[in-house]
Amino acid sequence: MEKAWIDIGALDDIPRLGARVVKTPLGCLAVFRAENDEIFALDDRCPHKNGPLSQGIVHGRTVTCPLHNWVISLESGKAQGSDEGQVRTFGIRVDSGRILIDADALFARPD
């Protein structure tokens, strides 16, 4: 069975090293654009104190939470360094300049 994808906007709507918030029935997602135009999607809450990751600083393939400087991998959602915790990541891709997110993962409840 082929995966279902949902169009959530244009790549150009997100500045390089920036993020946008996508509201879903299960909560907000942060969609990040790295310097090389890679796109990542995570729950928009730091595993430490639920800080808004979408407001953090993107560097390489990580984002630093604006509240307490936790560094989160955009690829895995895992806290880096000695911090422990993880946020959910979502399958995402770019097709013809449009950002698409995996519909099944988007509406799946976390374990």
N, C-alpha and C. Protein backbone atom coordinates (compact mmCIF):
# COMPACT_ATOMS: atom_id res chain seq x y z
N MET A 1 0.84 -1.18 0.00
CA MET A 1 0.00 0.00 0.00
C MET A 1 0.89 1.26 0.00
N GLU A 2 0.56 2.20 -0.85
CA GLU A 2 1.33 3.43 -0.96
C GLU A 2 1.03 4.36 0.20
N LYS A 3 2.08 5.06 0.67
CA LYS A 3 1.92 6.01 1.76
C LYS A 3 1.10 7.20 1.34
N ALA A 4 0.30 7.71 2.26
CA ALA A 4 -0.47 8.93 2.01
C ALA A 4 0.30 10.12 2.57
N TRP A 5 0.38 11.19 1.79
CA TRP A 5 1.10 12.40 2.18
C TRP A 5 0.15 13.58 2.18
N ILE A 6 0.35 14.49 3.12
CA ILE A 6 -0.47 15.70 3.21
C ILE A 6 0.42 16.91 2.94
N ASP A 7 -0.03 17.76 2.03
CA ASP A 7 0.69 18.99 1.70
C ASP A 7 0.46 19.99 2.83
N ILE A 8 1.57 20.47 3.42
CA ILE A 8 1.45 21.41 4.53
C ILE A 8 2.03 22.79 4.22
N GLY A 9 2.47 23.00 2.97
CA GLY A 9 2.95 24.32 2.61
C GLY A 9 4.13 24.27 1.67
N ALA A 10 4.59 25.46 1.32
CA ALA A 10 5.71 25.60 0.40
C ALA A 10 7.03 25.64 1.16
N LEU A 11 8.05 25.06 0.56
CA LEU A 11 9.38 25.11 1.14
C LEU A 11 9.80 26.56 1.38
N ASP A 12 9.49 27.44 0.44
CA ASP A 12 9.88 28.84 0.55
C ASP A 12 9.15 29.59 1.67
N ASP A 13 8.13 28.99 2.26
CA ASP A 13 7.44 29.61 3.40
C ASP A 13 8.26 29.55 4.68
N ILE A 14 9.27 28.70 4.69
CA ILE A 14 10.13 28.55 5.88
C ILE A 14 11.51 29.08 5.53
N PRO A 15 11.99 30.08 6.26
CA PRO A 15 13.35 30.57 5.97
C PRO A 15 14.39 29.53 6.34
N ARG A 16 15.54 29.57 5.66
CA ARG A 16 16.64 28.68 6.04
C ARG A 16 16.98 28.95 7.51
N LEU A 17 17.26 27.87 8.24
CA LEU A 17 17.54 27.90 9.69
C LEU A 17 16.35 28.41 10.48
N GLY A 18 15.14 28.21 9.93
CA GLY A 18 13.92 28.65 10.61
C GLY A 18 12.94 27.52 10.77
N ALA A 19 11.77 27.87 11.28
CA ALA A 19 10.72 26.87 11.54
C ALA A 19 9.35 27.50 11.38
N ARG A 20 8.37 26.66 11.21
CA ARG A 20 6.97 27.05 11.20
C ARG A 20 6.20 26.03 12.04
N VAL A 21 5.08 26.45 12.57
CA VAL A 21 4.24 25.56 13.38
C VAL A 21 3.07 25.09 12.52
N VAL A 22 2.79 23.79 12.61
CA VAL A 22 1.64 23.19 11.96
C VAL A 22 0.74 22.64 13.06
N LYS A 23 -0.49 23.12 13.11
CA LYS A 23 -1.44 22.64 14.13
C LYS A 23 -2.15 21.41 13.60
N THR A 24 -2.22 20.37 14.45
CA THR A 24 -2.90 19.12 14.11
C THR A 24 -3.88 18.78 15.23
N PRO A 25 -4.77 17.84 14.99
CA PRO A 25 -5.69 17.43 16.06
C PRO A 25 -4.97 16.85 17.29
N LEU A 26 -3.73 16.39 17.11
CA LEU A 26 -2.99 15.80 18.22
C LEU A 26 -1.95 16.74 18.81
N GLY A 27 -1.94 17.99 18.40
CA GLY A 27 -0.98 18.95 18.93
C GLY A 27 -0.20 19.63 17.83
N CYS A 28 0.68 20.52 18.23
CA CYS A 28 1.46 21.30 17.27
C CYS A 28 2.77 20.61 16.89
N LEU A 29 3.12 20.76 15.62
CA LEU A 29 4.39 20.25 15.10
C LEU A 29 5.26 21.44 14.73
N ALA A 30 6.54 21.27 14.86
CA ALA A 30 7.50 22.25 14.38
C ALA A 30 8.13 21.68 13.12
N VAL A 31 8.08 22.43 12.04
CA VAL A 31 8.68 22.02 10.77
C VAL A 31 9.88 22.93 10.55
N PHE A 32 11.05 22.33 10.47
CA PHE A 32 12.31 23.06 10.39
C PHE A 32 12.93 22.95 9.00
N ARG A 33 13.62 24.02 8.60
CA ARG A 33 14.38 24.01 7.34
C ARG A 33 15.84 24.28 7.69
N ALA A 34 16.69 23.32 7.38
CA ALA A 34 18.12 23.46 7.63
C ALA A 34 18.74 24.33 6.53
N GLU A 35 19.98 24.71 6.74
CA GLU A 35 20.68 25.58 5.78
C GLU A 35 20.74 25.00 4.38
N ASN A 36 20.84 23.66 4.29
CA ASN A 36 20.93 23.00 2.98
C ASN A 36 19.57 22.58 2.43
N ASP A 37 18.50 23.16 2.98
CA ASP A 37 17.12 22.92 2.56
C ASP A 37 16.55 21.57 2.99
N GLU A 38 17.26 20.83 3.87
CA GLU A 38 16.65 19.63 4.44
C GLU A 38 15.49 20.09 5.33
N ILE A 39 14.44 19.27 5.35
CA ILE A 39 13.25 19.58 6.15
C ILE A 39 13.07 18.49 7.20
N PHE A 40 12.69 18.91 8.41
CA PHE A 40 12.46 17.99 9.52
C PHE A 40 11.17 18.39 10.23
N ALA A 41 10.48 17.42 10.80
CA ALA A 41 9.27 17.70 11.57
C ALA A 41 9.32 16.98 12.91
N LEU A 42 9.06 17.73 13.98
CA LEU A 42 9.07 17.21 15.35
C LEU A 42 7.86 17.74 16.10
N ASP A 43 7.52 17.08 17.20
CA ASP A 43 6.56 17.69 18.12
C ASP A 43 7.15 19.02 18.56
N ASP A 44 6.31 20.04 18.68
CA ASP A 44 6.80 21.38 19.03
C ASP A 44 6.87 21.56 20.54
N ARG A 45 7.58 20.66 21.19
CA ARG A 45 7.73 20.79 22.65
C ARG A 45 9.00 20.07 23.08
N CYS A 46 9.80 20.78 23.81
CA CYS A 46 11.05 20.21 24.31
C CYS A 46 10.73 19.13 25.34
N PRO A 47 11.48 18.03 25.38
CA PRO A 47 11.21 16.98 26.37
C PRO A 47 11.53 17.41 27.80
N HIS A 48 12.20 18.52 27.97
CA HIS A 48 12.58 18.98 29.30
C HIS A 48 11.42 19.67 30.01
N LYS A 49 10.98 20.82 29.49
CA LYS A 49 9.90 21.58 30.12
C LYS A 49 8.86 22.04 29.11
N ASN A 50 8.75 21.31 28.00
CA ASN A 50 7.76 21.59 26.95
C ASN A 50 7.94 22.94 26.28
N GLY A 51 9.17 23.44 26.23
CA GLY A 51 9.45 24.69 25.53
C GLY A 51 9.14 24.57 24.05
N PRO A 52 8.79 25.68 23.40
CA PRO A 52 8.44 25.67 21.98
C PRO A 52 9.68 25.54 21.09
N LEU A 53 9.95 24.36 20.61
CA LEU A 53 11.14 24.14 19.79
C LEU A 53 11.11 24.99 18.52
N SER A 54 9.92 25.29 18.01
CA SER A 54 9.81 26.11 16.80
C SER A 54 10.40 27.50 16.99
N GLN A 55 10.58 27.92 18.22
CA GLN A 55 11.15 29.24 18.51
C GLN A 55 12.64 29.14 18.85
N GLY A 56 13.20 27.94 18.72
CA GLY A 56 14.60 27.73 19.04
C GLY A 56 15.52 28.12 17.91
N ILE A 57 16.81 27.96 18.15
CA ILE A 57 17.84 28.28 17.17
C ILE A 57 18.26 27.00 16.46
N VAL A 58 18.15 27.01 15.13
CA VAL A 58 18.53 25.85 14.30
C VAL A 58 20.00 25.99 13.93
N HIS A 59 20.76 24.91 14.13
CA HIS A 59 22.17 24.88 13.76
C HIS A 59 22.49 23.47 13.31
N GLY A 60 22.97 23.36 12.07
CA GLY A 60 23.22 22.03 11.52
C GLY A 60 21.93 21.24 11.46
N ARG A 61 21.95 20.09 12.08
CA ARG A 61 20.76 19.23 12.15
C ARG A 61 20.23 19.15 13.58
N THR A 62 20.34 20.25 14.30
CA THR A 62 19.84 20.32 15.67
C THR A 62 19.10 21.64 15.88
N VAL A 63 18.32 21.69 16.96
CA VAL A 63 17.67 22.92 17.39
C VAL A 63 17.91 23.07 18.88
N THR A 64 18.17 24.29 19.32
CA THR A 64 18.37 24.57 20.74
C THR A 64 17.09 25.18 21.28
N CYS A 65 16.54 24.56 22.33
CA CYS A 65 15.30 25.03 22.94
C CYS A 65 15.51 26.44 23.50
N PRO A 66 14.54 27.34 23.29
CA PRO A 66 14.69 28.71 23.77
C PRO A 66 14.56 28.86 25.28
N LEU A 67 14.05 27.86 25.97
CA LEU A 67 13.86 28.01 27.42
C LEU A 67 15.09 27.67 28.24
N HIS A 68 15.68 26.51 28.01
CA HIS A 68 16.78 26.06 28.87
C HIS A 68 17.97 25.51 28.09
N ASN A 69 18.03 25.86 26.79
CA ASN A 69 19.18 25.52 25.94
C ASN A 69 19.42 24.03 25.72
N TRP A 70 18.40 23.21 25.86
CA TRP A 70 18.57 21.82 25.49
C TRP A 70 18.74 21.75 23.98
N VAL A 71 19.63 20.89 23.51
CA VAL A 71 19.87 20.70 22.09
C VAL A 71 19.19 19.39 21.67
N ILE A 72 18.34 19.49 20.64
CA ILE A 72 17.55 18.36 20.18
C ILE A 72 17.92 18.04 18.74
N SER A 73 18.16 16.77 18.44
CA SER A 73 18.45 16.34 17.08
C SER A 73 17.18 16.46 16.22
N LEU A 74 17.31 17.12 15.08
CA LEU A 74 16.18 17.21 14.16
C LEU A 74 15.91 15.89 13.47
N GLU A 75 16.93 15.04 13.38
CA GLU A 75 16.78 13.74 12.72
C GLU A 75 16.08 12.72 13.61
N SER A 76 16.50 12.62 14.86
CA SER A 76 15.99 11.57 15.75
C SER A 76 15.03 12.08 16.82
N GLY A 77 15.05 13.37 17.10
CA GLY A 77 14.24 13.93 18.18
C GLY A 77 14.86 13.76 19.55
N LYS A 78 16.07 13.17 19.62
CA LYS A 78 16.71 12.89 20.91
C LYS A 78 17.48 14.11 21.42
N ALA A 79 17.43 14.28 22.75
CA ALA A 79 18.25 15.30 23.40
C ALA A 79 19.71 14.92 23.25
N GLN A 80 20.56 15.91 23.07
CA GLN A 80 21.98 15.69 22.84
C GLN A 80 22.78 15.92 24.12
N GLY A 81 24.02 15.49 24.11
CA GLY A 81 24.89 15.69 25.27
C GLY A 81 24.43 14.86 26.45
N SER A 82 24.51 15.43 27.64
CA SER A 82 24.16 14.69 28.85
C SER A 82 22.66 14.76 29.16
N ASP A 83 21.90 15.55 28.40
CA ASP A 83 20.45 15.63 28.62
C ASP A 83 19.77 14.38 28.09
N GLU A 84 18.68 14.01 28.74
CA GLU A 84 17.95 12.81 28.33
C GLU A 84 16.51 13.15 28.02
N GLY A 85 16.00 12.59 26.95
CA GLY A 85 14.63 12.80 26.53
C GLY A 85 14.54 12.75 25.03
N GLN A 86 13.32 12.69 24.53
CA GLN A 86 13.11 12.58 23.10
C GLN A 86 11.73 13.10 22.75
N VAL A 87 11.63 13.72 21.58
CA VAL A 87 10.34 14.12 21.04
C VAL A 87 10.08 13.28 19.79
N ARG A 88 8.83 13.19 19.43
CA ARG A 88 8.44 12.42 18.26
C ARG A 88 8.84 13.14 16.97
N THR A 89 9.31 12.38 16.00
CA THR A 89 9.62 12.92 14.68
C THR A 89 8.59 12.38 13.68
N PHE A 90 8.50 13.04 12.54
CA PHE A 90 7.50 12.68 11.54
C PHE A 90 8.16 12.59 10.17
N GLY A 91 7.71 11.62 9.38
CA GLY A 91 8.19 11.51 8.01
C GLY A 91 7.77 12.73 7.21
N ILE A 92 8.72 13.30 6.49
CA ILE A 92 8.45 14.53 5.75
C ILE A 92 9.33 14.53 4.51
N ARG A 93 8.84 15.16 3.45
CA ARG A 93 9.62 15.25 2.21
C ARG A 93 9.21 16.50 1.44
N VAL A 94 10.02 16.84 0.47
CA VAL A 94 9.72 17.98 -0.40
C VAL A 94 9.54 17.44 -1.81
N ASP A 95 8.47 17.87 -2.46
CA ASP A 95 8.18 17.46 -3.84
C ASP A 95 7.73 18.69 -4.61
N SER A 96 8.49 19.06 -5.62
CA SER A 96 8.18 20.23 -6.45
C SER A 96 7.98 21.49 -5.63
N GLY A 97 8.82 21.65 -4.61
CA GLY A 97 8.77 22.85 -3.78
C GLY A 97 7.69 22.84 -2.71
N ARG A 98 6.95 21.75 -2.58
CA ARG A 98 5.89 21.62 -1.57
C ARG A 98 6.35 20.66 -0.48
N ILE A 99 6.03 20.98 0.77
CA ILE A 99 6.38 20.14 1.91
C ILE A 99 5.23 19.18 2.17
N LEU A 100 5.55 17.90 2.23
CA LEU A 100 4.56 16.84 2.45
C LEU A 100 4.92 16.08 3.71
N ILE A 101 3.91 15.77 4.51
CA ILE A 101 4.13 15.03 5.74
C ILE A 101 3.37 13.71 5.68
N ASP A 102 3.93 12.68 6.27
CA ASP A 102 3.35 11.34 6.30
C ASP A 102 2.02 11.38 7.07
N ALA A 103 0.93 11.16 6.37
CA ALA A 103 -0.40 11.26 6.98
C ALA A 103 -0.62 10.23 8.08
N ASP A 104 -0.13 9.01 7.89
CA ASP A 104 -0.32 7.97 8.90
C ASP A 104 0.37 8.35 10.21
N ALA A 105 1.59 8.82 10.12
CA ALA A 105 2.33 9.21 11.33
C ALA A 105 1.71 10.43 11.97
N LEU A 106 1.17 11.32 11.15
CA LEU A 106 0.60 12.56 11.66
C LEU A 106 -0.57 12.30 12.59
N PHE A 107 -1.38 11.32 12.25
CA PHE A 107 -2.58 11.06 13.04
C PHE A 107 -2.47 9.86 13.98
N ALA A 108 -1.29 9.25 14.04
CA ALA A 108 -1.07 8.12 14.96
C ALA A 108 -0.82 8.66 16.37
N ARG A 109 -1.41 8.05 17.33
CA ARG A 109 -1.19 8.44 18.71
C ARG A 109 0.17 7.90 19.16
N PRO A 110 0.92 8.69 19.92
CA PRO A 110 2.21 8.19 20.41
C PRO A 110 2.01 7.03 21.36
N ASP A 111 3.03 6.18 21.45
CA ASP A 111 2.97 5.00 22.35
C ASP A 111 2.92 5.42 23.80
